[in-house]
Amino acid sequence: MKNFAVLKGQFWSFDVIFAMIVFSVVIVILAFTWNNVSTQLASSYGNTAEIMQAEAVTLAKSIMSPGYPADWMSNINTTNPSTWTNVSIGLAAGHGSTIISSAKLYTFIAMANTNYQDTKTALGVGYDYYIRITNSNLDISIGENPNTNGARDVYVYTEPASLNGEAVVVSVEVWSAQNIAV
């Protein structure tokens, strides 16, 4: 009679082959699924011009939200981009509000001045952005100005808001220095 206790913890070559087959099948399924999702996303937007337009609208809507958490500006270090990953940047004082919080605005300006590229990641935009908050007495600019950086395609979306009791217009520009296919 054989002592099977000696074989404890051992595996056979067919175990390795079976594991590799299962692993390969899972990878193929994931690759197929990713390709399918990517193709559907591309076809739903049609082309990069429409993606830029959608990104401009999405960025404007997210900027005019309170962000997450609502006090996100107190959870980050403006000079350390690694602290920006767990927040969603929004400038509104509250949900459904068009009042811009000065504290959130100043924090976002400091972030953009520290590391513009990392603010693009924090905002979830792939193209360059330029945000202006203006009225007859005020002109605040955040991001890279498309007029001075050789922009070829620019998409603009505006939202009304108020800052320090004054009516302002928030203009979000998403732009690229490369020609975008129409």
Protein backbone atom coordinates (compact mmCIF):
# COMPACT_ATOMS: atom_id res chain seq x y z
CA MET A 1 0.00 0.00 0.00
CA LYS A 2 1.30 3.45 -0.99
CA ASN A 3 1.72 6.24 1.48
CA PHE A 4 -0.09 9.25 -0.07
CA ALA A 5 1.01 11.58 2.75
CA VAL A 6 4.38 11.87 1.00
CA LEU A 7 2.69 13.52 -2.04
CA LYS A 8 1.28 16.38 0.02
CA GLY A 9 1.89 19.81 -1.57
CA GLN A 10 3.13 18.42 -4.85
CA PHE A 11 1.56 19.12 -8.20
CA TRP A 12 1.62 17.32 -11.50
CA SER A 13 2.52 18.70 -14.90
CA PHE A 14 -1.09 18.44 -16.06
CA ASP A 15 -1.99 20.85 -13.22
CA VAL A 16 0.37 23.45 -14.69
CA ILE A 17 -0.95 22.88 -18.21
CA PHE A 18 -4.55 23.16 -17.04
CA ALA A 19 -3.78 26.37 -15.11
CA MET A 20 -2.08 27.89 -18.16
CA ILE A 21 -5.06 27.03 -20.36
CA VAL A 22 -7.50 28.62 -17.89
CA PHE A 23 -5.26 31.70 -17.56
CA SER A 24 -4.96 32.03 -21.36
CA VAL A 25 -8.72 31.74 -21.84
CA VAL A 26 -9.34 34.43 -19.21
CA ILE A 27 -6.80 36.76 -20.87
CA VAL A 28 -8.40 36.20 -24.30
CA ILE A 29 -11.87 36.92 -22.90
CA LEU A 30 -10.63 40.10 -21.19
CA ALA A 31 -8.86 41.27 -24.37
CA PHE A 32 -11.98 40.60 -26.44
CA THR A 33 -14.18 42.43 -23.92
CA TRP A 34 -11.81 45.41 -23.74
CA ASN A 35 -11.66 45.64 -27.52
CA ASN A 36 -15.45 45.48 -27.73
CA VAL A 37 -15.92 48.22 -25.11
CA SER A 38 -13.27 50.39 -26.77
CA THR A 39 -14.91 49.97 -30.19
CA GLN A 40 -18.36 50.78 -28.83
CA LEU A 41 -17.03 53.90 -27.11
CA ALA A 42 -15.31 55.07 -30.28
CA SER A 43 -18.38 54.44 -32.42
CA SER A 44 -20.72 56.11 -29.92
CA TYR A 45 -18.74 59.34 -30.15
CA GLY A 46 -18.01 58.95 -33.84
CA ASN A 47 -14.72 60.85 -33.98
CA THR A 48 -12.27 62.80 -31.88
CA ALA A 49 -14.00 66.12 -32.54
CA GLU A 50 -17.12 64.81 -30.84
CA ILE A 51 -15.00 63.39 -28.02
CA MET A 52 -13.50 66.84 -27.48
CA GLN A 53 -16.97 68.39 -27.41
CA ALA A 54 -18.18 65.79 -24.93
CA GLU A 55 -15.08 66.34 -22.80
CA ALA A 56 -15.69 70.12 -22.73
CA VAL A 57 -19.29 69.62 -21.57
CA THR A 58 -18.30 67.00 -19.00
CA LEU A 59 -15.49 69.16 -17.63
CA ALA A 60 -17.79 72.18 -17.31
CA LYS A 61 -20.42 70.13 -15.49
CA SER A 62 -17.87 68.59 -13.13
CA ILE A 63 -16.27 71.98 -12.41
CA MET A 64 -19.70 73.35 -11.52
CA SER A 65 -20.30 70.51 -9.05
CA PRO A 66 -19.16 70.62 -5.41
CA GLY A 67 -16.63 67.86 -6.07
CA TYR A 68 -16.05 64.85 -3.88
CA PRO A 69 -15.81 64.91 -1.01
CA ALA A 70 -17.58 68.23 -0.66
CA ASP A 71 -14.62 69.59 1.33
CA TRP A 72 -12.02 68.13 -1.04
CA MET A 73 -9.84 71.24 -0.80
CA SER A 74 -9.05 70.46 2.86
CA ASN A 75 -8.02 66.89 2.01
CA ILE A 76 -5.15 67.72 -0.34
CA ASN A 77 -1.74 69.33 -0.37
CA THR A 78 -1.64 71.69 -3.35
CA THR A 79 2.09 71.10 -3.85
CA ASN A 80 1.87 67.29 -3.71
CA PRO A 81 -0.01 65.77 -6.69
CA SER A 82 -0.07 62.32 -5.07
CA THR A 83 -2.70 63.69 -2.64
CA TRP A 84 -4.98 64.66 -5.54
CA THR A 85 -5.93 61.12 -6.53
CA ASN A 86 -8.76 60.56 -4.06
CA VAL A 87 -10.72 63.72 -4.80
CA SER A 88 -13.00 64.97 -7.54
CA ILE A 89 -12.44 68.65 -8.25
CA GLY A 90 -15.51 70.85 -8.27
CA LEU A 91 -15.86 74.56 -7.52
CA ALA A 92 -19.53 74.86 -6.55
CA ALA A 93 -20.38 75.61 -2.93
CA GLY A 94 -22.98 72.82 -2.84
CA HIS A 95 -25.06 70.39 -4.89
CA GLY A 96 -27.19 72.22 -7.46
CA SER A 97 -25.54 75.51 -6.56
CA THR A 98 -24.09 77.95 -9.09
CA ILE A 99 -22.14 79.75 -6.36
CA ILE A 100 -18.40 79.22 -6.71
CA SER A 101 -16.56 78.56 -3.46
CA SER A 102 -13.57 80.90 -3.15
CA ALA A 103 -11.66 78.30 -1.10
CA LYS A 104 -12.14 75.64 -3.78
CA LEU A 105 -11.25 78.10 -6.53
CA TYR A 106 -8.01 79.22 -4.86
CA THR A 107 -7.06 75.61 -4.14
CA PHE A 108 -7.64 74.61 -7.75
CA ILE A 109 -5.64 77.59 -9.03
CA ALA A 110 -2.74 76.59 -6.75
CA MET A 111 -2.94 73.00 -8.02
CA ALA A 112 -2.89 74.10 -11.68
CA ASN A 113 0.03 76.44 -11.01
CA THR A 114 1.93 73.63 -9.26
CA ASN A 115 1.40 70.88 -11.83
CA TYR A 116 -0.90 71.47 -14.79
CA GLN A 117 -0.43 67.94 -16.21
CA ASP A 118 -1.53 66.29 -12.97
CA THR A 119 -4.61 68.53 -12.79
CA LYS A 120 -5.61 67.17 -16.21
CA THR A 121 -5.53 63.69 -14.67
CA ALA A 122 -7.41 64.85 -11.57
CA LEU A 123 -10.07 66.45 -13.79
CA GLY A 124 -10.28 63.38 -16.02
CA VAL A 125 -9.46 65.18 -19.25
CA GLY A 126 -7.17 63.91 -21.97
CA TYR A 127 -6.91 67.13 -23.93
CA ASP A 128 -5.56 70.45 -22.71
CA TYR A 129 -7.97 72.71 -20.85
CA TYR A 130 -8.39 76.41 -20.14
CA ILE A 131 -10.98 77.66 -17.67
CA ARG A 132 -11.92 81.31 -17.42
CA ILE A 133 -14.18 82.90 -14.85
CA THR A 134 -15.12 86.37 -16.07
CA ASN A 135 -17.39 89.36 -15.76
CA SER A 136 -16.85 93.09 -16.34
CA ASN A 137 -14.62 93.36 -13.24
CA LEU A 138 -13.02 89.93 -13.12
CA ASP A 139 -10.91 87.66 -15.32
CA ILE A 140 -9.55 84.50 -13.66
CA SER A 141 -7.70 82.02 -15.88
CA ILE A 142 -6.78 78.45 -15.00
CA GLY A 143 -4.88 76.08 -17.27
CA GLU A 144 -3.09 76.56 -20.57
CA ASN A 145 -4.31 79.33 -22.85
CA PRO A 146 -5.07 77.89 -26.31
CA ASN A 147 -4.39 81.28 -27.95
CA THR A 148 -0.78 81.32 -26.79
CA ASN A 149 -0.07 77.60 -27.18
CA GLY A 150 -0.81 77.01 -30.86
CA ALA A 151 -4.23 75.43 -30.49
CA ARG A 152 -5.70 74.10 -33.71
CA ASP A 153 -9.03 72.87 -32.37
CA VAL A 154 -10.88 74.41 -29.44
CA TYR A 155 -14.27 73.49 -28.00
CA VAL A 156 -15.90 75.89 -25.56
CA TYR A 157 -18.73 75.34 -23.11
CA THR A 158 -20.02 78.08 -20.81
CA GLU A 159 -22.00 78.04 -17.58
CA PRO A 160 -23.42 80.96 -15.59
CA ALA A 161 -22.31 81.19 -11.96
CA SER A 162 -21.67 83.63 -9.16
CA LEU A 163 -18.49 84.40 -7.27
CA ASN A 164 -18.42 86.62 -4.18
CA GLY A 165 -21.96 87.77 -4.90
CA GLU A 166 -21.23 88.81 -8.50
CA ALA A 167 -22.58 87.11 -11.61
CA VAL A 168 -19.81 85.48 -13.65
CA VAL A 169 -19.47 83.28 -16.70
CA VAL A 170 -17.45 80.08 -16.41
CA SER A 171 -15.96 79.27 -19.79
CA VAL A 172 -14.37 75.85 -20.23
CA GLU A 173 -12.19 75.37 -23.28
CA VAL A 174 -10.87 71.95 -24.28
CA TRP A 175 -8.23 72.19 -26.97
CA SER A 176 -5.52 70.42 -28.92
CA ALA A 177 -2.45 71.70 -30.73
CA GLN A 178 -2.97 68.96 -33.33
CA ASN A 179 -5.63 68.92 -36.04
CA ILE A 180 -8.62 66.83 -35.05
CA ALA A 181 -10.44 64.76 -37.66
CA VAL A 182 -14.00 65.92 -38.25
